[in-house]
Amino acid sequence: MSATPKTAAFQTSGRLNRLDALRGLAMLWMTGFHFCFDLAYLGLWPQDFYRDPFWVWQRTAIVSLFLFCAGLGQAAALAQDVPWVRFLRRWGVVAACALAVSVGSYLVFPRSYIYFGVLHGMAVMLLLVRAWRGAPAWLLLVVAAIAIALPPVYRHMAADLPPDWVQWLNGRAGSVLGLITAKPRTEDYVPLLPWLGVMLIAFVAGRQWFAQPASGMRAWWSRAAHARAMRLLAWLGRHSLPYYMLHQLVLLGGLMLLMPLLQLRH
């Protein structure tokens, strides 16, 4: 079966190498962040990752970058006419990894395990973006704006709402929505609101960019990486999921193996 004109035009530009590199940069930033977190967790470097703005804002930026890349990836999939079967196959891998993160984090942090972290949130958001892929840009941007604005508005008016509602939304089941007055006790928390707004904005932008001729923004994102560092970042971005699943095992596991030596030096 021959490709549709839209698909054929997209394929001439090859992979979105700069998107791969941007995702790889997010992975490196996340690795550095988690290495510092592990040092604090093991008592080797006293830091407050839950309240110190330096670390809190870094986490926000890293998650935003991940979801921005995911939104652009969905726009690329739309331009390539990726079928539902292929999408669901990839989505199933993400969902399975999210479940593995919950199980693994429960073994390490039983009181604050990850029940709705970045992979959990991404799995739900990917389904929503895929289902809404044909919606007009203005409508998606309105939904994105509401998603970003609603959590602070809710916190401002929560005192006037029924306490049972507020309590349920703060609980484990309700908190996946993101309308909370107190952050739940968990090591990673990426609810639908406001983060769906980030992915939708990226999707709308990518849908516009990748629909343009090959000489436009699509060509810029597809441009081959020549510098060695860019090639390495692009390679990492293309293998981001297995890297994500393994990096903490290596970081935290390696530090725990080195703990006796590090304690002797102190």
C-alpha atoms as a PDB file:
ATOM      1  CA  MET A   1       0.000   0.000   0.000  1.00  0.00           C
ATOM      2  CA  SER A   2       1.442   3.376  -0.976  1.00  0.00           C
ATOM      3  CA  ALA A   3       1.835   6.117   1.611  1.00  0.00           C
ATOM      4  CA  THR A   4      -0.601   9.003   1.711  1.00  0.00           C
ATOM      5  CA  PRO A   5       0.793  12.348   0.493  1.00  0.00           C
ATOM      6  CA  LYS A   6       0.977  13.626   4.088  1.00  0.00           C
ATOM      7  CA  THR A   7       2.850  10.517   5.260  1.00  0.00           C
ATOM      8  CA  ALA A   8       5.186  10.480   2.263  1.00  0.00           C
ATOM      9  CA  ALA A   9       6.047  14.144   2.768  1.00  0.00           C
ATOM     10  CA  PHE A  10       6.849  13.517   6.411  1.00  0.00           C
ATOM     11  CA  GLN A  11       9.026  10.492   5.691  1.00  0.00           C
ATOM     12  CA  THR A  12      11.330  12.523   3.461  1.00  0.00           C
ATOM     13  CA  SER A  13      12.611  14.325   6.534  1.00  0.00           C
ATOM     14  CA  GLY A  14      13.415  11.124   8.465  1.00  0.00           C
ATOM     15  CA  ARG A  15      13.442  11.024  12.240  1.00  0.00           C
ATOM     16  CA  LEU A  16      12.974  14.104  14.341  1.00  0.00           C
ATOM     17  CA  ASN A  17      16.601  14.067  15.415  1.00  0.00           C
ATOM     18  CA  ARG A  18      16.426  17.299  17.377  1.00  0.00           C
ATOM     19  CA  LEU A  19      13.402  16.049  19.274  1.00  0.00           C
ATOM     20  CA  ASP A  20      15.371  12.912  20.125  1.00  0.00           C
ATOM     21  CA  ALA A  21      18.260  15.088  21.301  1.00  0.00           C
ATOM     22  CA  LEU A  22      15.936  17.268  23.399  1.00  0.00           C
ATOM     23  CA  ARG A  23      14.498  14.152  25.040  1.00  0.00           C
ATOM     24  CA  GLY A  24      18.041  12.915  25.636  1.00  0.00           C
ATOM     25  CA  LEU A  25      18.928  16.222  27.294  1.00  0.00           C
ATOM     26  CA  ALA A  26      15.940  15.781  29.605  1.00  0.00           C
ATOM     27  CA  MET A  27      17.212  12.310  30.491  1.00  0.00           C
ATOM     28  CA  LEU A  28      20.669  13.645  31.399  1.00  0.00           C
ATOM     29  CA  TRP A  29      19.181  16.438  33.495  1.00  0.00           C
ATOM     30  CA  MET A  30      16.953  13.909  35.258  1.00  0.00           C
ATOM     31  CA  THR A  31      19.967  11.665  35.903  1.00  0.00           C
ATOM     32  CA  GLY A  32      21.881  14.472  37.574  1.00  0.00           C
ATOM     33  CA  PHE A  33      18.829  15.395  39.639  1.00  0.00           C
ATOM     34  CA  HIS A  34      18.284  11.807  40.774  1.00  0.00           C
ATOM     35  CA  PHE A  35      21.961  11.357  41.597  1.00  0.00           C
ATOM     36  CA  CYS A  36      21.772  14.364  43.917  1.00  0.00           C
ATOM     37  CA  PHE A  37      18.524  13.028  45.382  1.00  0.00           C
ATOM     38  CA  ASP A  38      20.153   9.661  46.047  1.00  0.00           C
ATOM     39  CA  LEU A  39      23.056  11.325  47.832  1.00  0.00           C
ATOM     40  CA  ALA A  40      20.556  13.113  50.086  1.00  0.00           C
ATOM     41  CA  TYR A  41      18.489   9.946  50.598  1.00  0.00           C
ATOM     42  CA  LEU A  42      21.583   8.058  51.770  1.00  0.00           C
ATOM     43  CA  GLY A  43      22.581  10.887  54.101  1.00  0.00           C
ATOM     44  CA  LEU A  44      25.690  11.799  52.125  1.00  0.00           C
ATOM     45  CA  TRP A  45      24.594  15.327  51.173  1.00  0.00           C
ATOM     46  CA  PRO A  46      21.924  17.077  53.286  1.00  0.00           C
ATOM     47  CA  GLN A  47      19.379  18.639  50.932  1.00  0.00           C
ATOM     48  CA  ASP A  48      15.633  19.264  51.105  1.00  0.00           C
ATOM     49  CA  PHE A  49      14.262  18.033  47.790  1.00  0.00           C
ATOM     50  CA  TYR A  50      10.659  18.533  48.900  1.00  0.00           C
ATOM     51  CA  ARG A  51      10.732  22.202  49.930  1.00  0.00           C
ATOM     52  CA  ASP A  52      13.911  23.861  48.650  1.00  0.00           C
ATOM     53  CA  PRO A  53      12.894  25.972  45.589  1.00  0.00           C
ATOM     54  CA  PHE A  54      16.190  25.123  43.855  1.00  0.00           C
ATOM     55  CA  TRP A  55      15.235  21.447  43.682  1.00  0.00           C
ATOM     56  CA  VAL A  56      11.460  21.878  43.413  1.00  0.00           C
ATOM     57  CA  TRP A  57      11.710  24.105  40.354  1.00  0.00           C
ATOM     58  CA  GLN A  58      14.262  21.821  38.734  1.00  0.00           C
ATOM     59  CA  ARG A  59      11.853  18.920  39.047  1.00  0.00           C
ATOM     60  CA  THR A  60       9.077  21.051  37.539  1.00  0.00           C
ATOM     61  CA  ALA A  61      11.283  21.967  34.596  1.00  0.00           C
ATOM     62  CA  ILE A  62      12.367  18.368  33.988  1.00  0.00           C
ATOM     63  CA  VAL A  63       8.797  17.037  34.034  1.00  0.00           C
ATOM     64  CA  SER A  64       7.680  19.885  31.759  1.00  0.00           C
ATOM     65  CA  LEU A  65      10.427  19.038  29.285  1.00  0.00           C
ATOM     66  CA  PHE A  66       9.471  15.342  29.306  1.00  0.00           C
ATOM     67  CA  LEU A  67       5.806  16.091  28.642  1.00  0.00           C
ATOM     68  CA  PHE A  68       6.635  18.698  26.017  1.00  0.00           C
ATOM     69  CA  CYS A  69       8.653  16.077  24.146  1.00  0.00           C
ATOM     70  CA  ALA A  70       5.798  13.581  24.529  1.00  0.00           C
ATOM     71  CA  GLY A  71       3.334  16.080  23.069  1.00  0.00           C
ATOM     72  CA  LEU A  72       5.606  16.733  20.097  1.00  0.00           C
ATOM     73  CA  GLY A  73       5.990  12.977  19.661  1.00  0.00           C
ATOM     74  CA  GLN A  74       2.215  12.576  19.430  1.00  0.00           C
ATOM     75  CA  ALA A  75       2.082  15.338  16.816  1.00  0.00           C
ATOM     76  CA  ALA A  76       4.755  13.494  14.827  1.00  0.00           C
ATOM     77  CA  ALA A  77       2.756  10.272  15.116  1.00  0.00           C
ATOM     78  CA  LEU A  78      -0.300  12.094  13.780  1.00  0.00           C
ATOM     79  CA  ALA A  79       1.692  13.415  10.809  1.00  0.00           C
ATOM     80  CA  GLN A  80       2.893   9.863  10.106  1.00  0.00           C
ATOM     81  CA  ASP A  81      -0.638   8.419  10.362  1.00  0.00           C
ATOM     82  CA  VAL A  82       0.489   5.966  13.057  1.00  0.00           C
ATOM     83  CA  PRO A  83      -2.403   3.474  13.483  1.00  0.00           C
ATOM     84  CA  TRP A  84      -4.134   2.772  16.790  1.00  0.00           C
ATOM     85  CA  VAL A  85      -2.651  -0.735  16.942  1.00  0.00           C
ATOM     86  CA  ARG A  86       0.900   0.566  16.872  1.00  0.00           C
ATOM     87  CA  PHE A  87       0.050   3.327  19.323  1.00  0.00           C
ATOM     88  CA  LEU A  88      -1.539   0.881  21.785  1.00  0.00           C
ATOM     89  CA  ARG A  89       1.458  -1.433  21.547  1.00  0.00           C
ATOM     90  CA  ARG A  90       3.765   1.382  22.591  1.00  0.00           C
ATOM     91  CA  TRP A  91       1.274   2.625  25.164  1.00  0.00           C
ATOM     92  CA  GLY A  92       1.132  -0.840  26.709  1.00  0.00           C
ATOM     93  CA  VAL A  93       4.896  -0.740  27.262  1.00  0.00           C
ATOM     94  CA  VAL A  94       4.605   2.642  29.012  1.00  0.00           C
ATOM     95  CA  ALA A  95       1.735   1.370  31.199  1.00  0.00           C
ATOM     96  CA  ALA A  96       3.653  -1.795  32.100  1.00  0.00           C
ATOM     97  CA  CYS A  97       6.698   0.275  33.052  1.00  0.00           C
ATOM     98  CA  ALA A  98       4.486   2.518  35.211  1.00  0.00           C
ATOM     99  CA  LEU A  99       3.257  -0.571  37.062  1.00  0.00           C
ATOM    100  CA  ALA A 100       6.845  -1.769  37.500  1.00  0.00           C
ATOM    101  CA  VAL A 101       7.782   1.638  38.953  1.00  0.00           C
ATOM    102  CA  SER A 102       4.958   1.343  41.499  1.00  0.00           C
ATOM    103  CA  VAL A 103       6.053  -2.139  42.544  1.00  0.00           C
ATOM    104  CA  GLY A 104       9.756  -1.247  42.689  1.00  0.00           C
ATOM    105  CA  SER A 105       9.202   1.986  44.591  1.00  0.00           C
ATOM    106  CA  TYR A 106       6.980   0.178  47.086  1.00  0.00           C
ATOM    107  CA  LEU A 107       9.881  -2.145  47.907  1.00  0.00           C
ATOM    108  CA  VAL A 108      12.196   0.828  48.543  1.00  0.00           C
ATOM    109  CA  PHE A 109       9.725   3.459  49.836  1.00  0.00           C
ATOM    110  CA  PRO A 110       6.732   1.514  51.248  1.00  0.00           C
ATOM    111  CA  ARG A 111       5.283   4.610  52.932  1.00  0.00           C
ATOM    112  CA  SER A 112       5.728   6.928  49.945  1.00  0.00           C
ATOM    113  CA  TYR A 113       5.749   4.659  46.923  1.00  0.00           C
ATOM    114  CA  ILE A 114       4.980   6.044  43.462  1.00  0.00           C
ATOM    115  CA  TYR A 115       1.329   5.424  42.640  1.00  0.00           C
ATOM    116  CA  PHE A 116       0.920   8.151  40.004  1.00  0.00           C
ATOM    117  CA  GLY A 117       4.289   9.383  38.792  1.00  0.00           C
ATOM    118  CA  VAL A 118       5.492  10.608  35.424  1.00  0.00           C
ATOM    119  CA  LEU A 119       4.890   7.320  33.581  1.00  0.00           C
ATOM    120  CA  HIS A 120       1.435   6.858  35.114  1.00  0.00           C
ATOM    121  CA  GLY A 121       0.436  10.404  34.223  1.00  0.00           C
ATOM    122  CA  MET A 122       1.953  10.108  30.763  1.00  0.00           C
ATOM    123  CA  ALA A 123       0.040   6.887  30.058  1.00  0.00           C
ATOM    124  CA  VAL A 124      -3.313   8.566  30.773  1.00  0.00           C
ATOM    125  CA  MET A 125      -2.395  11.799  28.989  1.00  0.00           C
ATOM    126  CA  LEU A 126      -1.233   9.953  25.870  1.00  0.00           C
ATOM    127  CA  LEU A 127      -4.638   8.287  25.596  1.00  0.00           C
ATOM    128  CA  LEU A 128      -6.397  11.643  25.964  1.00  0.00           C
ATOM    129  CA  VAL A 129      -4.210  13.408  23.402  1.00  0.00           C
ATOM    130  CA  ARG A 130      -4.580  10.514  20.982  1.00  0.00           C
ATOM    131  CA  ALA A 131      -8.372  10.580  21.363  1.00  0.00           C
ATOM    132  CA  TRP A 132      -8.474  14.370  20.865  1.00  0.00           C
ATOM    133  CA  ARG A 133      -5.958  14.448  17.998  1.00  0.00           C
ATOM    134  CA  GLY A 134      -8.507  15.786  15.510  1.00  0.00           C
ATOM    135  CA  ALA A 135      -9.886  18.565  17.721  1.00  0.00           C
ATOM    136  CA  PRO A 136      -9.359  22.159  16.564  1.00  0.00           C
ATOM    137  CA  ALA A 137      -6.307  23.925  17.916  1.00  0.00           C
ATOM    138  CA  TRP A 138      -8.305  26.638  19.693  1.00  0.00           C
ATOM    139  CA  LEU A 139     -10.288  24.038  21.653  1.00  0.00           C
ATOM    140  CA  LEU A 140      -7.160  22.129  22.718  1.00  0.00           C
ATOM    141  CA  LEU A 141      -5.525  25.373  23.835  1.00  0.00           C
ATOM    142  CA  VAL A 142      -8.602  26.264  25.885  1.00  0.00           C
ATOM    143  CA  VAL A 143      -8.457  22.846  27.566  1.00  0.00           C
ATOM    144  CA  ALA A 144      -4.719  23.339  28.166  1.00  0.00           C
ATOM    145  CA  ALA A 145      -5.296  26.749  29.747  1.00  0.00           C
ATOM    146  CA  ILE A 146      -8.008  25.348  32.017  1.00  0.00           C
ATOM    147  CA  ALA A 147      -5.776  22.421  33.003  1.00  0.00           C
ATOM    148  CA  ILE A 148      -2.951  24.782  34.004  1.00  0.00           C
ATOM    149  CA  ALA A 149      -5.128  27.374  35.735  1.00  0.00           C
ATOM    150  CA  LEU A 150      -7.531  25.088  37.598  1.00  0.00           C
ATOM    151  CA  PRO A 151      -5.232  23.755  40.380  1.00  0.00           C
ATOM    152  CA  PRO A 152      -4.328  27.194  41.847  1.00  0.00           C
ATOM    153  CA  VAL A 153      -7.932  28.358  41.460  1.00  0.00           C
ATOM    154  CA  TYR A 154      -9.104  25.243  43.292  1.00  0.00           C
ATOM    155  CA  ARG A 155      -6.638  25.784  46.145  1.00  0.00           C
ATOM    156  CA  HIS A 156      -7.931  29.345  46.525  1.00  0.00           C
ATOM    157  CA  MET A 157     -11.567  28.248  46.809  1.00  0.00           C
ATOM    158  CA  ALA A 158     -11.103  24.869  48.563  1.00  0.00           C
ATOM    159  CA  ALA A 159     -11.876  26.345  51.990  1.00  0.00           C
ATOM    160  CA  ASP A 160     -15.436  27.036  50.832  1.00  0.00           C
ATOM    161  CA  LEU A 161     -16.024  23.526  49.464  1.00  0.00           C
ATOM    162  CA  PRO A 162     -17.480  20.567  51.414  1.00  0.00           C
ATOM    163  CA  PRO A 163     -14.687  19.027  53.551  1.00  0.00           C
ATOM    164  CA  ASP A 164     -15.526  15.522  52.304  1.00  0.00           C
ATOM    165  CA  TRP A 165     -14.826  16.611  48.716  1.00  0.00           C
ATOM    166  CA  VAL A 166     -11.519  18.193  49.669  1.00  0.00           C
ATOM    167  CA  GLN A 167     -10.493  15.139  51.669  1.00  0.00           C
ATOM    168  CA  TRP A 168     -11.321  12.772  48.809  1.00  0.00           C
ATOM    169  CA  LEU A 169      -9.428  14.872  46.279  1.00  0.00           C
ATOM    170  CA  ASN A 170      -6.418  14.900  48.621  1.00  0.00           C
ATOM    171  CA  GLY A 171      -6.577  11.109  48.940  1.00  0.00           C
ATOM    172  CA  ARG A 172      -4.729   8.615  46.800  1.00  0.00           C
ATOM    173  CA  ALA A 173      -7.565   8.024  44.327  1.00  0.00           C
ATOM    174  CA  GLY A 174      -8.684  11.626  43.943  1.00  0.00           C
ATOM    175  CA  SER A 175      -5.203  13.118  43.857  1.00  0.00           C
ATOM    176  CA  VAL A 176      -4.501  11.678  40.391  1.00  0.00           C
ATOM    177  CA  LEU A 177      -6.636  14.546  39.068  1.00  0.00           C
ATOM    178  CA  GLY A 178      -4.348  17.171  40.637  1.00  0.00           C
ATOM    179  CA  LEU A 179      -6.872  19.243  42.587  1.00  0.00           C
ATOM    180  CA  ILE A 180      -5.199  19.066  45.977  1.00  0.00           C
ATOM    181  CA  THR A 181      -4.566  21.307  48.949  1.00  0.00           C
ATOM    182  CA  ALA A 182      -1.651  19.220  50.272  1.00  0.00           C
ATOM    183  CA  LYS A 183       0.868  17.207  48.268  1.00  0.00           C
ATOM    184  CA  PRO A 184       0.406  13.470  48.812  1.00  0.00           C
ATOM    185  CA  ARG A 185       3.192  11.447  50.378  1.00  0.00           C
ATOM    186  CA  THR A 186       4.848   9.935  47.336  1.00  0.00           C
ATOM    187  CA  GLU A 187       8.288  10.038  45.732  1.00  0.00           C
ATOM    188  CA  ASP A 188       6.994  11.124  42.324  1.00  0.00           C
ATOM    189  CA  TYR A 189       3.699  12.838  41.596  1.00  0.00           C
ATOM    190  CA  VAL A 190       2.559  13.931  38.125  1.00  0.00           C
ATOM    191  CA  PRO A 191      -1.246  14.350  38.174  1.00  0.00           C
ATOM    192  CA  LEU A 192      -3.367  15.156  35.141  1.00  0.00           C
ATOM    193  CA  LEU A 193      -3.704  18.791  36.165  1.00  0.00           C
ATOM    194  CA  PRO A 194      -1.768  20.899  35.363  1.00  0.00           C
ATOM    195  CA  TRP A 195       0.506  18.598  33.350  1.00  0.00           C
ATOM    196  CA  LEU A 196      -2.021  17.700  30.660  1.00  0.00           C
ATOM    197  CA  GLY A 197      -1.887  21.363  29.668  1.00  0.00           C
ATOM    198  CA  VAL A 198       1.850  21.121  28.928  1.00  0.00           C
ATOM    199  CA  MET A 199       1.409  18.082  26.691  1.00  0.00           C
ATOM    200  CA  LEU A 200      -1.532  19.639  24.847  1.00  0.00           C
ATOM    201  CA  ILE A 201       0.376  22.869  24.141  1.00  0.00           C
ATOM    202  CA  ALA A 202       3.269  20.865  22.720  1.00  0.00           C
ATOM    203  CA  PHE A 203       0.879  18.729  20.662  1.00  0.00           C
ATOM    204  CA  VAL A 204      -0.834  21.775  19.152  1.00  0.00           C
ATOM    205  CA  ALA A 205       2.536  23.377  18.352  1.00  0.00           C
ATOM    206  CA  GLY A 206       3.884  20.157  16.862  1.00  0.00           C
ATOM    207  CA  ARG A 207       0.759  19.577  14.804  1.00  0.00           C
ATOM    208  CA  GLN A 208       1.272  23.005  13.257  1.00  0.00           C
ATOM    209  CA  TRP A 209       5.028  22.604  12.744  1.00  0.00           C
ATOM    210  CA  PHE A 210       4.930  19.131  11.235  1.00  0.00           C
ATOM    211  CA  ALA A 211       2.115  19.996   8.825  1.00  0.00           C
ATOM    212  CA  GLN A 212       4.337  22.604   7.165  1.00  0.00           C
ATOM    213  CA  PRO A 213       6.479  21.871   4.094  1.00  0.00           C
ATOM    214  CA  ALA A 214       9.787  20.066   4.593  1.00  0.00           C
ATOM    215  CA  SER A 215      11.631  23.383   4.399  1.00  0.00           C
ATOM    216  CA  GLY A 216       9.852  24.710   7.495  1.00  0.00           C
ATOM    217  CA  MET A 217       9.896  23.783  11.149  1.00  0.00           C
ATOM    218  CA  ARG A 218       9.579  20.078  10.410  1.00  0.00           C
ATOM    219  CA  ALA A 219      12.860  20.187   8.509  1.00  0.00           C
ATOM    220  CA  TRP A 220      14.485  21.999  11.454  1.00  0.00           C
ATOM    221  CA  TRP A 221      13.381  19.322  13.943  1.00  0.00           C
ATOM    222  CA  SER A 222      14.472  16.573  11.527  1.00  0.00           C
ATOM    223  CA  ARG A 223      17.918  17.994  10.776  1.00  0.00           C
ATOM    224  CA  ALA A 224      20.621  15.394  11.326  1.00  0.00           C
ATOM    225  CA  ALA A 225      22.929  15.855  14.289  1.00  0.00           C
ATOM    226  CA  HIS A 226      26.584  16.207  13.259  1.00  0.00           C
ATOM    227  CA  ALA A 227      28.274  17.041  16.557  1.00  0.00           C
ATOM    228  CA  ARG A 228      29.185  13.979  18.594  1.00  0.00           C
ATOM    229  CA  ALA A 229      27.424  15.309  21.690  1.00  0.00           C
ATOM    230  CA  MET A 230      24.213  15.857  19.722  1.00  0.00           C
ATOM    231  CA  ARG A 231      24.396  12.355  18.241  1.00  0.00           C
ATOM    232  CA  LEU A 232      24.805  10.882  21.707  1.00  0.00           C
ATOM    233  CA  LEU A 233      21.851  12.890  23.017  1.00  0.00           C
ATOM    234  CA  ALA A 234      19.712  11.793  20.072  1.00  0.00           C
ATOM    235  CA  TRP A 235      20.652   8.152  20.671  1.00  0.00           C
ATOM    236  CA  LEU A 236      19.746   8.499  24.335  1.00  0.00           C
ATOM    237  CA  GLY A 237      16.443  10.127  23.419  1.00  0.00           C
ATOM    238  CA  ARG A 238      15.550   7.229  21.138  1.00  0.00           C
ATOM    239  CA  HIS A 239      16.105   4.804  24.037  1.00  0.00           C
ATOM    240  CA  SER A 240      14.630   6.974  26.783  1.00  0.00           C
ATOM    241  CA  LEU A 241      12.195   4.450  28.268  1.00  0.00           C
ATOM    242  CA  PRO A 242      14.671   1.623  29.000  1.00  0.00           C
ATOM    243  CA  TYR A 243      17.139   4.228  30.231  1.00  0.00           C
ATOM    244  CA  TYR A 244      14.516   5.683  32.547  1.00  0.00           C
ATOM    245  CA  MET A 245      13.696   2.261  33.956  1.00  0.00           C
ATOM    246  CA  LEU A 246      17.328   1.334  34.600  1.00  0.00           C
ATOM    247  CA  HIS A 247      19.085   4.536  35.593  1.00  0.00           C
ATOM    248  CA  GLN A 248      18.010   4.590  39.258  1.00  0.00           C
ATOM    249  CA  LEU A 249      18.914   0.926  39.686  1.00  0.00           C
ATOM    250  CA  VAL A 250      22.426   1.805  38.581  1.00  0.00           C
ATOM    251  CA  LEU A 251      22.680   5.109  40.475  1.00  0.00           C
ATOM    252  CA  LEU A 252      21.139   4.114  43.792  1.00  0.00           C
ATOM    253  CA  GLY A 253      22.430   0.563  43.619  1.00  0.00           C
ATOM    254  CA  GLY A 254      25.951   1.757  42.873  1.00  0.00           C
ATOM    255  CA  LEU A 255      25.900   4.279  45.695  1.00  0.00           C
ATOM    256  CA  MET A 256      24.625   1.678  48.148  1.00  0.00           C
ATOM    257  CA  LEU A 257      27.457  -0.649  47.156  1.00  0.00           C
ATOM    258  CA  LEU A 258      29.922   2.190  47.700  1.00  0.00           C
ATOM    259  CA  MET A 259      28.415   3.245  51.032  1.00  0.00           C
ATOM    260  CA  PRO A 260      30.917   1.340  53.221  1.00  0.00           C
ATOM    261  CA  LEU A 261      33.819   2.990  51.401  1.00  0.00           C
ATOM    262  CA  LEU A 262      32.203   6.438  51.503  1.00  0.00           C
ATOM    263  CA  GLN A 263      31.474   6.094  55.233  1.00  0.00           C
ATOM    264  CA  LEU A 264      35.092   5.125  55.944  1.00  0.00           C
ATOM    265  CA  ARG A 265      36.283   8.328  54.226  1.00  0.00           C
ATOM    266  CA  HIS A 266      33.961  10.377  56.424  1.00  0.00           C
END
